[in-house]
C-alpha atoms as a PDB file:
ATOM      1  CA  MET A   1      -0.003   0.139  -0.043  1.00  0.00           C
ATOM      2  CA  ASP A   2       1.814   3.353  -1.222  1.00  0.00           C
ATOM      3  CA  ALA A   3       0.228   6.201   1.074  1.00  0.00           C
ATOM      4  CA  HIS A   4       1.942   8.791  -0.867  1.00  0.00           C
ATOM      5  CA  LEU A   5       3.834   9.979   1.982  1.00  0.00           C
ATOM      6  CA  GLY A   6       7.512  10.080   0.374  1.00  0.00           C
ATOM      7  CA  ASP A   7       7.637  14.078   1.044  1.00  0.00           C
ATOM      8  CA  ALA A   8       6.038  14.016   4.202  1.00  0.00           C
ATOM      9  CA  ASP A   9       7.213  15.155   7.400  1.00  0.00           C
ATOM     10  CA  ASP A  10       7.167  12.968  10.825  1.00  0.00           C
ATOM     11  CA  ALA A  11       4.046  14.905  11.758  1.00  0.00           C
ATOM     12  CA  GLU A  12       2.215  14.646   8.785  1.00  0.00           C
ATOM     13  CA  ILE A  13       3.284  10.682   8.852  1.00  0.00           C
ATOM     14  CA  TRP A  14       2.167  10.312  12.487  1.00  0.00           C
ATOM     15  CA  ALA A  15      -0.842  12.043  12.192  1.00  0.00           C
ATOM     16  CA  TYR A  16      -1.802   9.686   8.897  1.00  0.00           C
ATOM     17  CA  ALA A  17      -0.908   6.530  10.794  1.00  0.00           C
ATOM     18  CA  LEU A  18      -3.196   7.930  14.081  1.00  0.00           C
ATOM     19  CA  ALA A  19      -6.118   8.512  11.731  1.00  0.00           C
ATOM     20  CA  GLU A  20      -5.859   5.215   9.575  1.00  0.00           C
ATOM     21  CA  SER A  21      -4.911   3.156  13.160  1.00  0.00           C
ATOM     22  CA  ARG A  22      -1.560   1.998  11.353  1.00  0.00           C
ATOM     23  CA  ILE A  23       1.815   1.438  13.467  1.00  0.00           C
ATOM     24  CA  VAL A  24       4.654   3.694  12.292  1.00  0.00           C
ATOM     25  CA  VAL A  25       7.589   1.370  11.394  1.00  0.00           C
ATOM     26  CA  SER A  26      10.870   3.576  11.122  1.00  0.00           C
ATOM     27  CA  LYS A  27      14.175   3.730  12.151  1.00  0.00           C
ATOM     28  CA  ASP A  28      14.452   7.325  12.847  1.00  0.00           C
ATOM     29  CA  GLU A  29      14.228   8.355  16.623  1.00  0.00           C
ATOM     30  CA  ASP A  30      12.403  11.168  15.881  1.00  0.00           C
ATOM     31  CA  PHE A  31       9.257   9.547  16.379  1.00  0.00           C
ATOM     32  CA  ILE A  32       9.882   8.978  19.750  1.00  0.00           C
ATOM     33  CA  PRO A  33       8.433  12.005  21.388  1.00  0.00           C
ATOM     34  CA  LEU A  34       5.399  11.726  19.032  1.00  0.00           C
ATOM     35  CA  ALA A  35       4.817   8.021  20.485  1.00  0.00           C
ATOM     36  CA  LEU A  36       5.401   9.447  23.781  1.00  0.00           C
ATOM     37  CA  ARG A  37       2.855  12.147  23.540  1.00  0.00           C
ATOM     38  CA  GLN A  38       0.060  12.453  26.462  1.00  0.00           C
ATOM     39  CA  GLY A  39      -3.623  12.014  24.999  1.00  0.00           C
ATOM     40  CA  ASP A  40      -2.381  10.189  21.693  1.00  0.00           C
ATOM     41  CA  ALA A  41      -2.921   6.862  20.805  1.00  0.00           C
ATOM     42  CA  GLY A  42      -0.242   6.397  18.080  1.00  0.00           C
ATOM     43  CA  ARG A  43       2.675   3.788  17.992  1.00  0.00           C
ATOM     44  CA  LEU A  44       5.936   2.820  16.918  1.00  0.00           C
ATOM     45  CA  LEU A  45       7.587  -0.013  15.584  1.00  0.00           C
ATOM     46  CA  TRP A  46      11.359   1.370  16.045  1.00  0.00           C
ATOM     47  CA  VAL A  47      13.768  -0.501  14.040  1.00  0.00           C
ATOM     48  CA  ARG A  48      17.005  -0.148  15.675  1.00  0.00           C
ATOM     49  CA  LEU A  49      19.256  -2.557  13.403  1.00  0.00           C
ATOM     50  CA  GLY A  50      21.532   0.021  11.742  1.00  0.00           C
ATOM     51  CA  ASN A  51      22.077   0.376   8.002  1.00  0.00           C
ATOM     52  CA  CYS A  52      21.319  -3.055   6.672  1.00  0.00           C
ATOM     53  CA  ARG A  53      20.239  -4.104   3.246  1.00  0.00           C
ATOM     54  CA  ASN A  54      16.713  -5.818   2.829  1.00  0.00           C
ATOM     55  CA  ALA A  55      17.569  -9.257   3.348  1.00  0.00           C
ATOM     56  CA  PRO A  56      19.478  -8.974   6.945  1.00  0.00           C
ATOM     57  CA  LEU A  57      16.311  -6.701   7.925  1.00  0.00           C
ATOM     58  CA  LEU A  58      13.681  -9.161   6.670  1.00  0.00           C
ATOM     59  CA  ALA A  59      15.710 -12.300   8.408  1.00  0.00           C
ATOM     60  CA  ALA A  60      15.848  -9.861  11.912  1.00  0.00           C
ATOM     61  CA  PHE A  61      11.828  -9.487  11.666  1.00  0.00           C
ATOM     62  CA  ASP A  62      11.819 -13.152  10.672  1.00  0.00           C
ATOM     63  CA  ARG A  63      13.812 -14.026  13.529  1.00  0.00           C
ATOM     64  CA  VAL A  64      11.486 -12.257  16.380  1.00  0.00           C
ATOM     65  CA  LYS A  65       8.039 -12.380  14.754  1.00  0.00           C
ATOM     66  CA  ASP A  66       6.564 -14.354  17.633  1.00  0.00           C
ATOM     67  CA  SER A  67       7.618 -12.232  20.344  1.00  0.00           C
ATOM     68  CA  LEU A  68       7.214  -8.646  17.654  1.00  0.00           C
ATOM     69  CA  LEU A  69       3.170 -10.529  17.037  1.00  0.00           C
ATOM     70  CA  ALA A  70       3.046 -10.922  20.643  1.00  0.00           C
ATOM     71  CA  GLU A  71       4.388  -7.076  21.115  1.00  0.00           C
ATOM     72  CA  LEU A  72       1.797  -5.632  18.648  1.00  0.00           C
ATOM     73  CA  ARG A  73      -0.871  -7.109  20.026  1.00  0.00           C
ATOM     74  CA  SER A  74       0.042  -5.524  23.361  1.00  0.00           C
ATOM     75  CA  THR A  75      -0.364  -1.962  24.196  1.00  0.00           C
ATOM     76  CA  ASN A  76       2.890  -0.752  24.256  1.00  0.00           C
ATOM     77  CA  ARG A  77       2.849   2.524  22.429  1.00  0.00           C
ATOM     78  CA  ILE A  78       6.935   1.662  21.543  1.00  0.00           C
ATOM     79  CA  ILE A  79       8.000  -1.680  19.932  1.00  0.00           C
ATOM     80  CA  GLU A  80      11.914  -1.688  19.601  1.00  0.00           C
ATOM     81  CA  LEU A  81      13.417  -4.337  17.160  1.00  0.00           C
ATOM     82  CA  ARG A  82      17.173  -4.851  17.723  1.00  0.00           C
END
């Protein structure tokens, strides 16, 4: 799904995700303050793997998929993938 947010700033991406009940998946720590705002229901999957190609990134998701799915079902606002 392409939401056409390629030129959007962080606040626009966050607002879109909130309106669509989506979880922001990002390596950008600039989303942390947005995820910590009081009264905001937004959620962030913060990918903390450093620069890597798609294959290692997908392998990291696969390696932790069960625990990641459990975290996504929780009410945690910030979920870290390391």
